[in-house]
Amino acid sequence: MTDLLVRFAVGGLLVSAFALLGDLFRPKSFAGTFAAAPSVALATMGLQLHHDGAATASLAARSMVVGAVAFFVYANAVAILLRRTSDRPVVAAAECGVLWFVVVALGWALWLRAAP
């Protein structure tokens, strides 16, 4: 129960801080991006470091990096596909989902599988 309270408190403070940072930049849609992912990742990493030690937190951080790279590739592929075709966004998102999976699988095979 204490872990949940810490996660909510730290997450809430970080969401607020990142939302304030995001509000300073244009377009304003960056506010949501800055608010959600970094704050959740930092709260999770802090708790993991406290409970499980640096080795487990390091593996979790590397996993987050692989996920972020895969999402970056996926989001750019969807944007490119939408610009070049007349597909609906839901179709483009579904088609590029395979690309996300391939990038994650490669990240796991090359970087995470051999992790201690």
PDB file of N, CA and C in Angstrom:
ATOM      1  N   MET A   1       0.822  -1.195   0.000  1.00  0.00           N
ATOM      2  CA  MET A   1       0.000   0.000   0.000  1.00  0.00           C
ATOM      3  C   MET A   1       0.868   1.263   0.000  1.00  0.00           C
ATOM      4  N   THR A   2       1.963   1.205   0.746  1.00  0.00           N
ATOM      5  CA  THR A   2       2.857   2.361   0.801  1.00  0.00           C
ATOM      6  C   THR A   2       3.465   2.644  -0.566  1.00  0.00           C
ATOM      7  N   ASP A   3       3.812   1.573  -1.292  1.00  0.00           N
ATOM      8  CA  ASP A   3       4.372   1.753  -2.635  1.00  0.00           C
ATOM      9  C   ASP A   3       3.401   2.488  -3.546  1.00  0.00           C
ATOM     10  N   LEU A   4       2.137   2.133  -3.458  1.00  0.00           N
ATOM     11  CA  LEU A   4       1.141   2.812  -4.295  1.00  0.00           C
ATOM     12  C   LEU A   4       1.032   4.286  -3.933  1.00  0.00           C
ATOM     13  N   LEU A   5       1.049   4.589  -2.648  1.00  0.00           N
ATOM     14  CA  LEU A   5       0.963   5.994  -2.230  1.00  0.00           C
ATOM     15  C   LEU A   5       2.178   6.785  -2.701  1.00  0.00           C
ATOM     16  N   VAL A   6       3.362   6.178  -2.583  1.00  0.00           N
ATOM     17  CA  VAL A   6       4.584   6.847  -3.056  1.00  0.00           C
ATOM     18  C   VAL A   6       4.504   7.053  -4.564  1.00  0.00           C
ATOM     19  N   ARG A   7       4.079   6.013  -5.282  1.00  0.00           N
ATOM     20  CA  ARG A   7       3.982   6.117  -6.742  1.00  0.00           C
ATOM     21  C   ARG A   7       2.994   7.209  -7.146  1.00  0.00           C
ATOM     22  N   PHE A   8       1.852   7.259  -6.492  1.00  0.00           N
ATOM     23  CA  PHE A   8       0.860   8.295  -6.809  1.00  0.00           C
ATOM     24  C   PHE A   8       1.385   9.689  -6.481  1.00  0.00           C
ATOM     25  N   ALA A   9       2.033   9.829  -5.326  1.00  0.00           N
ATOM     26  CA  ALA A   9       2.547  11.145  -4.930  1.00  0.00           C
ATOM     27  C   ALA A   9       3.661  11.612  -5.855  1.00  0.00           C
ATOM     28  N   VAL A  10       4.647  10.749  -6.061  1.00  0.00           N
ATOM     29  CA  VAL A  10       5.771  11.120  -6.929  1.00  0.00           C
ATOM     30  C   VAL A  10       5.280  11.312  -8.354  1.00  0.00           C
ATOM     31  N   GLY A  11       4.444  10.390  -8.825  1.00  0.00           N
ATOM     32  CA  GLY A  11       3.897  10.509 -10.175  1.00  0.00           C
ATOM     33  C   GLY A  11       3.113  11.794 -10.355  1.00  0.00           C
ATOM     34  N   GLY A  12       2.284  12.139  -9.370  1.00  0.00           N
ATOM     35  CA  GLY A  12       1.497  13.373  -9.465  1.00  0.00           C
ATOM     36  C   GLY A  12       2.369  14.615  -9.500  1.00  0.00           C
ATOM     37  N   LEU A  13       3.386  14.651  -8.640  1.00  0.00           N
ATOM     38  CA  LEU A  13       4.296  15.801  -8.642  1.00  0.00           C
ATOM     39  C   LEU A  13       5.059  15.906  -9.960  1.00  0.00           C
ATOM     40  N   LEU A  14       5.523  14.769 -10.464  1.00  0.00           N
ATOM     41  CA  LEU A  14       6.271  14.798 -11.709  1.00  0.00           C
ATOM     42  C   LEU A  14       5.385  15.118 -12.905  1.00  0.00           C
ATOM     43  N   VAL A  15       4.162  14.596 -12.898  1.00  0.00           N
ATOM     44  CA  VAL A  15       3.235  14.934 -13.977  1.00  0.00           C
ATOM     45  C   VAL A  15       3.003  16.435 -14.008  1.00  0.00           C
ATOM     46  N   SER A  16       2.801  17.016 -12.843  1.00  0.00           N
ATOM     47  CA  SER A  16       2.593  18.463 -12.777  1.00  0.00           C
ATOM     48  C   SER A  16       3.812  19.232 -13.269  1.00  0.00           C
ATOM     49  N   ALA A  17       4.994  18.796 -12.855  1.00  0.00           N
ATOM     50  CA  ALA A  17       6.217  19.482 -13.280  1.00  0.00           C
ATOM     51  C   ALA A  17       6.424  19.364 -14.786  1.00  0.00           C
ATOM     52  N   PHE A  18       6.239  18.177 -15.319  1.00  0.00           N
ATOM     53  CA  PHE A  18       6.427  17.998 -16.761  1.00  0.00           C
ATOM     54  C   PHE A  18       5.324  18.686 -17.560  1.00  0.00           C
ATOM     55  N   ALA A  19       4.112  18.736 -17.015  1.00  0.00           N
ATOM     56  CA  ALA A  19       3.028  19.457 -17.704  1.00  0.00           C
ATOM     57  C   ALA A  19       3.360  20.941 -17.767  1.00  0.00           C
ATOM     58  N   LEU A  20       3.926  21.475 -16.699  1.00  0.00           N
ATOM     59  CA  LEU A  20       4.343  22.877 -16.696  1.00  0.00           C
ATOM     60  C   LEU A  20       5.434  23.100 -17.737  1.00  0.00           C
ATOM     61  N   LEU A  21       6.396  22.191 -17.811  1.00  0.00           N
ATOM     62  CA  LEU A  21       7.442  22.280 -18.834  1.00  0.00           C
ATOM     63  C   LEU A  21       6.850  22.203 -20.233  1.00  0.00           C
ATOM     64  N   GLY A  22       5.949  21.258 -20.425  1.00  0.00           N
ATOM     65  CA  GLY A  22       5.320  21.088 -21.731  1.00  0.00           C
ATOM     66  C   GLY A  22       4.494  22.285 -22.143  1.00  0.00           C
ATOM     67  N   ASP A  23       3.956  22.994 -21.169  1.00  0.00           N
ATOM     68  CA  ASP A  23       3.141  24.171 -21.464  1.00  0.00           C
ATOM     69  C   ASP A  23       3.993  25.324 -21.992  1.00  0.00           C
ATOM     70  N   LEU A  24       5.276  25.255 -21.762  1.00  0.00           N
ATOM     71  CA  LEU A  24       6.176  26.315 -22.225  1.00  0.00           C
ATOM     72  C   LEU A  24       6.523  26.188 -23.700  1.00  0.00           C
ATOM     73  N   PHE A  25       6.306  25.012 -24.274  1.00  0.00           N
ATOM     74  CA  PHE A  25       6.693  24.760 -25.655  1.00  0.00           C
ATOM     75  C   PHE A  25       5.483  24.745 -26.577  1.00  0.00           C
ATOM     76  N   ARG A  26       5.755  24.922 -27.859  1.00  0.00           N
ATOM     77  CA  ARG A  26       4.698  24.827 -28.862  1.00  0.00           C
ATOM     78  C   ARG A  26       4.995  23.638 -29.753  1.00  0.00           C
ATOM     79  N   PRO A  27       4.075  22.920 -30.259  1.00  0.00           N
ATOM     80  CA  PRO A  27       2.638  23.028 -30.035  1.00  0.00           C
ATOM     81  C   PRO A  27       2.277  22.540 -28.632  1.00  0.00           C
ATOM     82  N   LYS A  28       1.133  22.935 -28.188  1.00  0.00           N
ATOM     83  CA  LYS A  28       0.691  22.613 -26.832  1.00  0.00           C
ATOM     84  C   LYS A  28       0.442  21.120 -26.642  1.00  0.00           C
ATOM     85  N   SER A  29       0.369  20.384 -27.726  1.00  0.00           N
ATOM     86  CA  SER A  29       0.166  18.937 -27.604  1.00  0.00           C
ATOM     87  C   SER A  29       1.369  18.259 -26.957  1.00  0.00           C
ATOM     88  N   PHE A  30       2.520  18.941 -26.917  1.00  0.00           N
ATOM     89  CA  PHE A  30       3.680  18.378 -26.241  1.00  0.00           C
ATOM     90  C   PHE A  30       3.457  18.253 -24.736  1.00  0.00           C
ATOM     91  N   ALA A  31       2.550  19.036 -24.183  1.00  0.00           N
ATOM     92  CA  ALA A  31       2.320  19.005 -22.740  1.00  0.00           C
ATOM     93  C   ALA A  31       1.946  17.602 -22.276  1.00  0.00           C
ATOM     94  N   GLY A  32       1.083  16.917 -23.008  1.00  0.00           N
ATOM     95  CA  GLY A  32       0.690  15.567 -22.634  1.00  0.00           C
ATOM     96  C   GLY A  32       1.837  14.588 -22.731  1.00  0.00           C
ATOM     97  N   THR A  33       2.649  14.741 -23.737  1.00  0.00           N
ATOM     98  CA  THR A  33       3.798  13.862 -23.907  1.00  0.00           C
ATOM     99  C   THR A  33       4.794  14.062 -22.777  1.00  0.00           C
ATOM    100  N   PHE A  34       5.066  15.307 -22.457  1.00  0.00           N
ATOM    101  CA  PHE A  34       6.010  15.587 -21.387  1.00  0.00           C
ATOM    102  C   PHE A  34       5.450  15.201 -20.024  1.00  0.00           C
ATOM    103  N   ALA A  35       4.143  15.238 -19.866  1.00  0.00           N
ATOM    104  CA  ALA A  35       3.556  14.970 -18.561  1.00  0.00           C
ATOM    105  C   ALA A  35       3.503  13.489 -18.235  1.00  0.00           C
ATOM    106  N   ALA A  36       3.158  12.663 -19.186  1.00  0.00           N
ATOM    107  CA  ALA A  36       2.867  11.268 -18.871  1.00  0.00           C
ATOM    108  C   ALA A  36       4.103  10.380 -18.781  1.00  0.00           C
ATOM    109  N   ALA A  37       4.756  10.153 -19.872  1.00  0.00           N
ATOM    110  CA  ALA A  37       5.801   9.127 -19.924  1.00  0.00           C
ATOM    111  C   ALA A  37       6.979   9.377 -18.979  1.00  0.00           C
ATOM    112  N   PRO A  38       7.588  10.551 -18.975  1.00  0.00           N
ATOM    113  CA  PRO A  38       8.750  10.726 -18.093  1.00  0.00           C
ATOM    114  C   PRO A  38       8.400  10.600 -16.616  1.00  0.00           C
ATOM    115  N   SER A  39       7.252  11.093 -16.221  1.00  0.00           N
ATOM    116  CA  SER A  39       6.904  11.047 -14.801  1.00  0.00           C
ATOM    117  C   SER A  39       6.631   9.624 -14.344  1.00  0.00           C
ATOM    118  N   VAL A  40       5.931   8.861 -15.142  1.00  0.00           N
ATOM    119  CA  VAL A  40       5.672   7.467 -14.789  1.00  0.00           C
ATOM    120  C   VAL A  40       6.979   6.677 -14.774  1.00  0.00           C
ATOM    121  N   ALA A  41       7.837   6.911 -15.747  1.00  0.00           N
ATOM    122  CA  ALA A  41       9.110   6.201 -15.800  1.00  0.00           C
ATOM    123  C   ALA A  41       9.981   6.535 -14.591  1.00  0.00           C
ATOM    124  N   LEU A  42      10.044   7.798 -14.231  1.00  0.00           N
ATOM    125  CA  LEU A  42      10.880   8.183 -13.081  1.00  0.00           C
ATOM    126  C   LEU A  42      10.343   7.616 -11.773  1.00  0.00           C
ATOM    127  N   ALA A  43       9.034   7.642 -11.597  1.00  0.00           N
ATOM    128  CA  ALA A  43       8.450   7.082 -10.377  1.00  0.00           C
ATOM    129  C   ALA A  43       8.701   5.576 -10.310  1.00  0.00           C
ATOM    130  N   THR A  44       8.514   4.896 -11.421  1.00  0.00           N
ATOM    131  CA  THR A  44       8.744   3.456 -11.465  1.00  0.00           C
ATOM    132  C   THR A  44      10.203   3.126 -11.198  1.00  0.00           C
ATOM    133  N   MET A  45      11.107   3.879 -11.808  1.00  0.00           N
ATOM    134  CA  MET A  45      12.534   3.613 -11.620  1.00  0.00           C
ATOM    135  C   MET A  45      12.961   3.844 -10.171  1.00  0.00           C
ATOM    136  N   GLY A  46      12.449   4.880  -9.565  1.00  0.00           N
ATOM    137  CA  GLY A  46      12.787   5.144  -8.166  1.00  0.00           C
ATOM    138  C   GLY A  46      12.339   4.021  -7.247  1.00  0.00           C
ATOM    139  N   LEU A  47      11.117   3.556  -7.429  1.00  0.00           N
ATOM    140  CA  LEU A  47      10.623   2.457  -6.608  1.00  0.00           C
ATOM    141  C   LEU A  47      11.389   1.163  -6.876  1.00  0.00           C
ATOM    142  N   GLN A  48      11.676   0.916  -8.138  1.00  0.00           N
ATOM    143  CA  GLN A  48      12.396  -0.315  -8.486  1.00  0.00           C
ATOM    144  C   GLN A  48      13.812  -0.280  -7.908  1.00  0.00           C
ATOM    145  N   LEU A  49      14.457   0.843  -7.988  1.00  0.00           N
ATOM    146  CA  LEU A  49      15.805   0.984  -7.430  1.00  0.00           C
ATOM    147  C   LEU A  49      15.776   0.757  -5.922  1.00  0.00           C
ATOM    148  N   HIS A  50      14.778   1.298  -5.266  1.00  0.00           N
ATOM    149  CA  HIS A  50      14.664   1.171  -3.810  1.00  0.00           C
ATOM    150  C   HIS A  50      14.402  -0.272  -3.391  1.00  0.00           C
ATOM    151  N   HIS A  51      13.527  -0.965  -4.103  1.00  0.00           N
ATOM    152  CA  HIS A  51      13.123  -2.307  -3.691  1.00  0.00           C
ATOM    153  C   HIS A  51      14.011  -3.422  -4.231  1.00  0.00           C
ATOM    154  N   ASP A  52      14.438  -3.313  -5.471  1.00  0.00           N
ATOM    155  CA  ASP A  52      15.109  -4.441  -6.118  1.00  0.00           C
ATOM    156  C   ASP A  52      16.578  -4.212  -6.427  1.00  0.00           C
ATOM    157  N   GLY A  53      17.063  -3.000  -6.253  1.00  0.00           N
ATOM    158  CA  GLY A  53      18.476  -2.731  -6.483  1.00  0.00           C
ATOM    159  C   GLY A  53      18.771  -2.212  -7.876  1.00  0.00           C
ATOM    160  N   ALA A  54      20.027  -1.865  -8.067  1.00  0.00           N
ATOM    161  CA  ALA A  54      20.449  -1.200  -9.294  1.00  0.00           C
ATOM    162  C   ALA A  54      20.403  -2.111 -10.517  1.00  0.00           C
ATOM    163  N   ALA A  55      20.680  -3.398 -10.355  1.00  0.00           N
ATOM    164  CA  ALA A  55      20.703  -4.296 -11.513  1.00  0.00           C
ATOM    165  C   ALA A  55      19.312  -4.416 -12.137  1.00  0.00           C
ATOM    166  N   THR A  56      18.300  -4.589 -11.325  1.00  0.00           N
ATOM    167  CA  THR A  56      16.934  -4.705 -11.837  1.00  0.00           C
ATOM    168  C   THR A  56      16.460  -3.380 -12.404  1.00  0.00           C
ATOM    169  N   ALA A  57      16.803  -2.286 -11.741  1.00  0.00           N
ATOM    170  CA  ALA A  57      16.416  -0.966 -12.248  1.00  0.00           C
ATOM    171  C   ALA A  57      17.102  -0.673 -13.574  1.00  0.00           C
ATOM    172  N   SER A  58      18.330  -1.131 -13.722  1.00  0.00           N
ATOM    173  CA  SER A  58      19.051  -0.940 -14.975  1.00  0.00           C
ATOM    174  C   SER A  58      18.381  -1.695 -16.115  1.00  0.00           C
ATOM    175  N   LEU A  59      17.968  -2.916 -15.861  1.00  0.00           N
ATOM    176  CA  LEU A  59      17.271  -3.701 -16.881  1.00  0.00           C
ATOM    177  C   LEU A  59      15.941  -3.048 -17.250  1.00  0.00           C
ATOM    178  N   ALA A  60      15.230  -2.545 -16.255  1.00  0.00           N
ATOM    179  CA  ALA A  60      13.964  -1.860 -16.528  1.00  0.00           C
ATOM    180  C   ALA A  60      14.197  -0.594 -17.353  1.00  0.00           C
ATOM    181  N   ALA A  61      15.265   0.132 -17.049  1.00  0.00           N
ATOM    182  CA  ALA A  61      15.576   1.352 -17.805  1.00  0.00           C
ATOM    183  C   ALA A  61      15.914   1.021 -19.252  1.00  0.00           C
ATOM    184  N   ARG A  62      16.681  -0.031 -19.461  1.00  0.00           N
ATOM    185  CA  ARG A  62      17.000  -0.436 -20.834  1.00  0.00           C
ATOM    186  C   ARG A  62      15.746  -0.872 -21.576  1.00  0.00           C
ATOM    187  N   SER A  63      14.855  -1.545 -20.886  1.00  0.00           N
ATOM    188  CA  SER A  63      13.591  -1.951 -21.505  1.00  0.00           C
ATOM    189  C   SER A  63      12.772  -0.733 -21.907  1.00  0.00           C
ATOM    190  N   MET A  64      12.788   0.294 -21.065  1.00  0.00           N
ATOM    191  CA  MET A  64      12.075   1.526 -21.394  1.00  0.00           C
ATOM    192  C   MET A  64      12.684   2.204 -22.614  1.00  0.00           C
ATOM    193  N   VAL A  65      13.993   2.154 -22.732  1.00  0.00           N
ATOM    194  CA  VAL A  65      14.661   2.744 -23.896  1.00  0.00           C
ATOM    195  C   VAL A  65      14.264   2.001 -25.168  1.00  0.00           C
ATOM    196  N   VAL A  66      14.253   0.680 -25.118  1.00  0.00           N
ATOM    197  CA  VAL A  66      13.841  -0.109 -26.283  1.00  0.00           C
ATOM    198  C   VAL A  66      12.398   0.223 -26.649  1.00  0.00           C
ATOM    199  N   GLY A  67      11.529   0.319 -25.662  1.00  0.00           N
ATOM    200  CA  GLY A  67      10.139   0.674 -25.921  1.00  0.00           C
ATOM    201  C   GLY A  67       9.996   2.064 -26.523  1.00  0.00           C
ATOM    202  N   ALA A  68      10.796   3.001 -26.038  1.00  0.00           N
ATOM    203  CA  ALA A  68      10.731   4.369 -26.561  1.00  0.00           C
ATOM    204  C   ALA A  68      11.217   4.432 -28.007  1.00  0.00           C
ATOM    205  N   VAL A  69      12.289   3.703 -28.307  1.00  0.00           N
ATOM    206  CA  VAL A  69      12.790   3.672 -29.685  1.00  0.00           C
ATOM    207  C   VAL A  69      11.753   3.037 -30.600  1.00  0.00           C
ATOM    208  N   ALA A  70      11.146   1.938 -30.151  1.00  0.00           N
ATOM    209  CA  ALA A  70      10.120   1.274 -30.960  1.00  0.00           C
ATOM    210  C   ALA A  70       8.929   2.196 -31.191  1.00  0.00           C
ATOM    211  N   PHE A  71       8.521   2.928 -30.169  1.00  0.00           N
ATOM    212  CA  PHE A  71       7.397   3.847 -30.343  1.00  0.00           C
ATOM    213  C   PHE A  71       7.754   4.991 -31.285  1.00  0.00           C
ATOM    214  N   PHE A  72       8.976   5.493 -31.197  1.00  0.00           N
ATOM    215  CA  PHE A  72       9.424   6.555 -32.092  1.00  0.00           C
ATOM    216  C   PHE A  72       9.367   6.103 -33.548  1.00  0.00           C
ATOM    217  N   VAL A  73       9.892   4.904 -33.809  1.00  0.00           N
ATOM    218  CA  VAL A  73       9.861   4.356 -35.165  1.00  0.00           C
ATOM    219  C   VAL A  73       8.421   4.162 -35.622  1.00  0.00           C
ATOM    220  N   TYR A  74       7.591   3.601 -34.760  1.00  0.00           N
ATOM    221  CA  TYR A  74       6.186   3.356 -35.075  1.00  0.00           C
ATOM    222  C   TYR A  74       5.444   4.657 -35.391  1.00  0.00           C
ATOM    223  N   ALA A  75       5.590   5.650 -34.523  1.00  0.00           N
ATOM    224  CA  ALA A  75       4.873   6.919 -34.714  1.00  0.00           C
ATOM    225  C   ALA A  75       5.300   7.614 -36.002  1.00  0.00           C
ATOM    226  N   ASN A  76       6.589   7.583 -36.300  1.00  0.00           N
ATOM    227  CA  ASN A  76       7.053   8.193 -37.544  1.00  0.00           C
ATOM    228  C   ASN A  76       6.574   7.424 -38.762  1.00  0.00           C
ATOM    229  N   ALA A  77       6.542   6.105 -38.665  1.00  0.00           N
ATOM    230  CA  ALA A  77       6.046   5.295 -39.783  1.00  0.00           C
ATOM    231  C   ALA A  77       4.563   5.580 -40.036  1.00  0.00           C
ATOM    232  N   VAL A  78       3.779   5.712 -38.975  1.00  0.00           N
ATOM    233  CA  VAL A  78       2.360   6.038 -39.136  1.00  0.00           C
ATOM    234  C   VAL A  78       2.206   7.413 -39.791  1.00  0.00           C
ATOM    235  N   ALA A  79       2.987   8.386 -39.340  1.00  0.00           N
ATOM    236  CA  ALA A  79       2.902   9.735 -39.915  1.00  0.00           C
ATOM    237  C   ALA A  79       3.272   9.726 -41.395  1.00  0.00           C
ATOM    238  N   ILE A  80       4.330   9.014 -41.740  1.00  0.00           N
ATOM    239  CA  ILE A  80       4.748   8.941 -43.145  1.00  0.00           C
ATOM    240  C   ILE A  80       3.681   8.242 -43.983  1.00  0.00           C
ATOM    241  N   LEU A  81       3.144   7.157 -43.477  1.00  0.00           N
ATOM    242  CA  LEU A  81       2.108   6.416 -44.201  1.00  0.00           C
ATOM    243  C   LEU A  81       0.860   7.272 -44.411  1.00  0.00           C
ATOM    244  N   LEU A  82       0.486   8.033 -43.409  1.00  0.00           N
ATOM    245  CA  LEU A  82      -0.702   8.888 -43.543  1.00  0.00           C
ATOM    246  C   LEU A  82      -0.481  10.008 -44.553  1.00  0.00           C
ATOM    247  N   ARG A  83       0.749  10.519 -44.630  1.00  0.00           N
ATOM    248  CA  ARG A  83       1.041  11.565 -45.613  1.00  0.00           C
ATOM    249  C   ARG A  83       1.060  11.038 -47.037  1.00  0.00           C
ATOM    250  N   ARG A  84       1.489   9.797 -47.213  1.00  0.00           N
ATOM    251  CA  ARG A  84       1.673   9.259 -48.562  1.00  0.00           C
ATOM    252  C   ARG A  84       0.470   8.505 -49.110  1.00  0.00           C
ATOM    253  N   THR A  85      -0.438   8.092 -48.246  1.00  0.00           N
ATOM    254  CA  THR A  85      -1.606   7.333 -48.704  1.00  0.00           C
ATOM    255  C   THR A  85      -2.875   8.005 -48.204  1.00  0.00           C
ATOM    256  N   SER A  86      -3.980   7.485 -48.645  1.00  0.00           N
ATOM    257  CA  SER A  86      -5.264   8.015 -48.176  1.00  0.00           C
ATOM    258  C   SER A  86      -5.883   7.082 -47.139  1.00  0.00           C
ATOM    259  N   ASP A  87      -5.045   6.268 -46.499  1.00  0.00           N
ATOM    260  CA  ASP A  87      -5.545   5.355 -45.465  1.00  0.00           C
ATOM    261  C   ASP A  87      -6.148   6.124 -44.305  1.00  0.00           C
ATOM    262  N   ARG A  88      -7.097   5.484 -43.659  1.00  0.00           N
ATOM    263  CA  ARG A  88      -7.633   6.058 -42.423  1.00  0.00           C
ATOM    264  C   ARG A  88      -6.587   5.855 -41.320  1.00  0.00           C
ATOM    265  N   PRO A  89      -6.567   6.712 -40.313  1.00  0.00           N
ATOM    266  CA  PRO A  89      -5.558   6.585 -39.245  1.00  0.00           C
ATOM    267  C   PRO A  89      -5.566   5.224 -38.550  1.00  0.00           C
ATOM    268  N   VAL A  90      -6.743   4.656 -38.342  1.00  0.00           N
ATOM    269  CA  VAL A  90      -6.800   3.361 -37.668  1.00  0.00           C
ATOM    270  C   VAL A  90      -6.151   2.263 -38.520  1.00  0.00           C
ATOM    271  N   VAL A  91      -6.288   2.351 -39.831  1.00  0.00           N
ATOM    272  CA  VAL A  91      -5.667   1.374 -40.734  1.00  0.00           C
ATOM    273  C   VAL A  91      -4.152   1.548 -40.727  1.00  0.00           C
ATOM    274  N   ALA A  92      -3.694   2.786 -40.814  1.00  0.00           N
ATOM    275  CA  ALA A  92      -2.250   3.050 -40.787  1.00  0.00           C
ATOM    276  C   ALA A  92      -1.639   2.592 -39.465  1.00  0.00           C
ATOM    277  N   ALA A  93      -2.330   2.849 -38.359  1.00  0.00           N
ATOM    278  CA  ALA A  93      -1.823   2.437 -37.051  1.00  0.00           C
ATOM    279  C   ALA A  93      -1.720   0.916 -36.962  1.00  0.00           C
ATOM    280  N   ALA A  94      -2.721   0.222 -37.471  1.00  0.00           N
ATOM    281  CA  ALA A  94      -2.699  -1.242 -37.430  1.00  0.00           C
ATOM    282  C   ALA A  94      -1.594  -1.802 -38.321  1.00  0.00           C
ATOM    283  N   GLU A  95      -1.431  -1.228 -39.493  1.00  0.00           N
ATOM    284  CA  GLU A  95      -0.390  -1.710 -40.401  1.00  0.00           C
ATOM    285  C   GLU A  95       1.007  -1.509 -39.823  1.00  0.00           C
ATOM    286  N   CYS A  96       1.216  -0.420 -39.140  1.00  0.00           N
ATOM    287  CA  CYS A  96       2.546  -0.140 -38.594  1.00  0.00           C
ATOM    288  C   CYS A  96       2.791  -0.843 -37.259  1.00  0.00           C
ATOM    289  N   GLY A  97       1.759  -1.452 -36.701  1.00  0.00           N
ATOM    290  CA  GLY A  97       1.930  -2.203 -35.459  1.00  0.00           C
ATOM    291  C   GLY A  97       2.941  -3.321 -35.605  1.00  0.00           C
ATOM    292  N   VAL A  98       2.987  -3.917 -36.774  1.00  0.00           N
ATOM    293  CA  VAL A  98       3.969  -4.974 -37.036  1.00  0.00           C
ATOM    294  C   VAL A  98       5.387  -4.413 -36.936  1.00  0.00           C
ATOM    295  N   LEU A  99       5.593  -3.198 -37.437  1.00  0.00           N
ATOM    296  CA  LEU A  99       6.903  -2.564 -37.363  1.00  0.00           C
ATOM    297  C   LEU A  99       7.317  -2.344 -35.912  1.00  0.00           C
ATOM    298  N   TRP A 100       6.375  -1.900 -35.075  1.00  0.00           N
ATOM    299  CA  TRP A 100       6.666  -1.719 -33.652  1.00  0.00           C
ATOM    300  C   TRP A 100       7.135  -3.032 -33.043  1.00  0.00           C
ATOM    301  N   PHE A 101       6.416  -4.106 -33.343  1.00  0.00           N
ATOM    302  CA  PHE A 101       6.775  -5.419 -32.798  1.00  0.00           C
ATOM    303  C   PHE A 101       8.164  -5.855 -33.261  1.00  0.00           C
ATOM    304  N   VAL A 102       8.495  -5.619 -34.516  1.00  0.00           N
ATOM    305  CA  VAL A 102       9.807  -6.006 -35.051  1.00  0.00           C
ATOM    306  C   VAL A 102      10.917  -5.238 -34.323  1.00  0.00           C
ATOM    307  N   VAL A 103      10.727  -3.944 -34.117  1.00  0.00           N
ATOM    308  CA  VAL A 103      11.754  -3.145 -33.432  1.00  0.00           C
ATOM    309  C   VAL A 103      11.921  -3.612 -31.987  1.00  0.00           C
ATOM    310  N   VAL A 104      10.824  -3.909 -31.310  1.00  0.00           N
ATOM    311  CA  VAL A 104      10.911  -4.402 -29.936  1.00  0.00           C
ATOM    312  C   VAL A 104      11.609  -5.761 -29.895  1.00  0.00           C
ATOM    313  N   ALA A 105      11.261  -6.648 -30.811  1.00  0.00           N
ATOM    314  CA  ALA A 105      11.895  -7.969 -30.848  1.00  0.00           C
ATOM    315  C   ALA A 105      13.395  -7.850 -31.117  1.00  0.00           C
ATOM    316  N   LEU A 106      13.787  -6.966 -32.035  1.00  0.00           N
ATOM    317  CA  LEU A 106      15.214  -6.750 -32.296  1.00  0.00           C
ATOM    318  C   LEU A 106      15.919  -6.164 -31.072  1.00  0.00           C
ATOM    319  N   GLY A 107      15.276  -5.210 -30.413  1.00  0.00           N
ATOM    320  CA  GLY A 107      15.859  -4.633 -29.200  1.00  0.00           C
ATOM    321  C   GLY A 107      16.057  -5.671 -28.119  1.00  0.00           C
ATOM    322  N   TRP A 108      15.069  -6.547 -27.969  1.00  0.00           N
ATOM    323  CA  TRP A 108      15.204  -7.608 -26.980  1.00  0.00           C
ATOM    324  C   TRP A 108      16.337  -8.559 -27.361  1.00  0.00           C
ATOM    325  N   ALA A 109      16.363  -8.967 -28.614  1.00  0.00           N
ATOM    326  CA  ALA A 109      17.359  -9.941 -29.055  1.00  0.00           C
ATOM    327  C   ALA A 109      18.779  -9.390 -28.984  1.00  0.00           C
ATOM    328  N   LEU A 110      18.944  -8.112 -29.318  1.00  0.00           N
ATOM    329  CA  LEU A 110      20.290  -7.536 -29.392  1.00  0.00           C
ATOM    330  C   LEU A 110      20.775  -6.929 -28.089  1.00  0.00           C
ATOM    331  N   TRP A 111      19.848  -6.450 -27.239  1.00  0.00           N
ATOM    332  CA  TRP A 111      20.290  -5.669 -26.088  1.00  0.00           C
ATOM    333  C   TRP A 111      19.804  -6.213 -24.752  1.00  0.00           C
ATOM    334  N   LEU A 112      18.618  -6.787 -24.734  1.00  0.00           N
ATOM    335  CA  LEU A 112      18.033  -7.168 -23.455  1.00  0.00           C
ATOM    336  C   LEU A 112      18.200  -8.645 -23.115  1.00  0.00           C
ATOM    337  N   ARG A 113      18.220  -9.501 -24.107  1.00  0.00           N
ATOM    338  CA  ARG A 113      18.274 -10.934 -23.854  1.00  0.00           C
ATOM    339  C   ARG A 113      19.519 -11.326 -23.080  1.00  0.00           C
ATOM    340  N   ALA A 114      20.632 -10.727 -23.376  1.00  0.00           N
ATOM    341  CA  ALA A 114      21.889 -11.088 -22.719  1.00  0.00           C
ATOM    342  C   ALA A 114      22.120 -10.305 -21.437  1.00  0.00           C
ATOM    343  N   ALA A 115      21.148  -9.505 -21.024  1.00  0.00           N
ATOM    344  CA  ALA A 115      21.321  -8.674 -19.828  1.00  0.00           C
ATOM    345  C   ALA A 115      21.372  -9.550 -18.584  1.00  0.00           C
ATOM    346  N   PRO A 116      22.181  -9.140 -17.614  1.00  0.00           N
ATOM    347  CA  PRO A 116      22.293  -9.918 -16.369  1.00  0.00           C
ATOM    348  C   PRO A 116      21.036  -9.886 -15.558  1.00  0.00           C
TER     349      PRO A 116
END
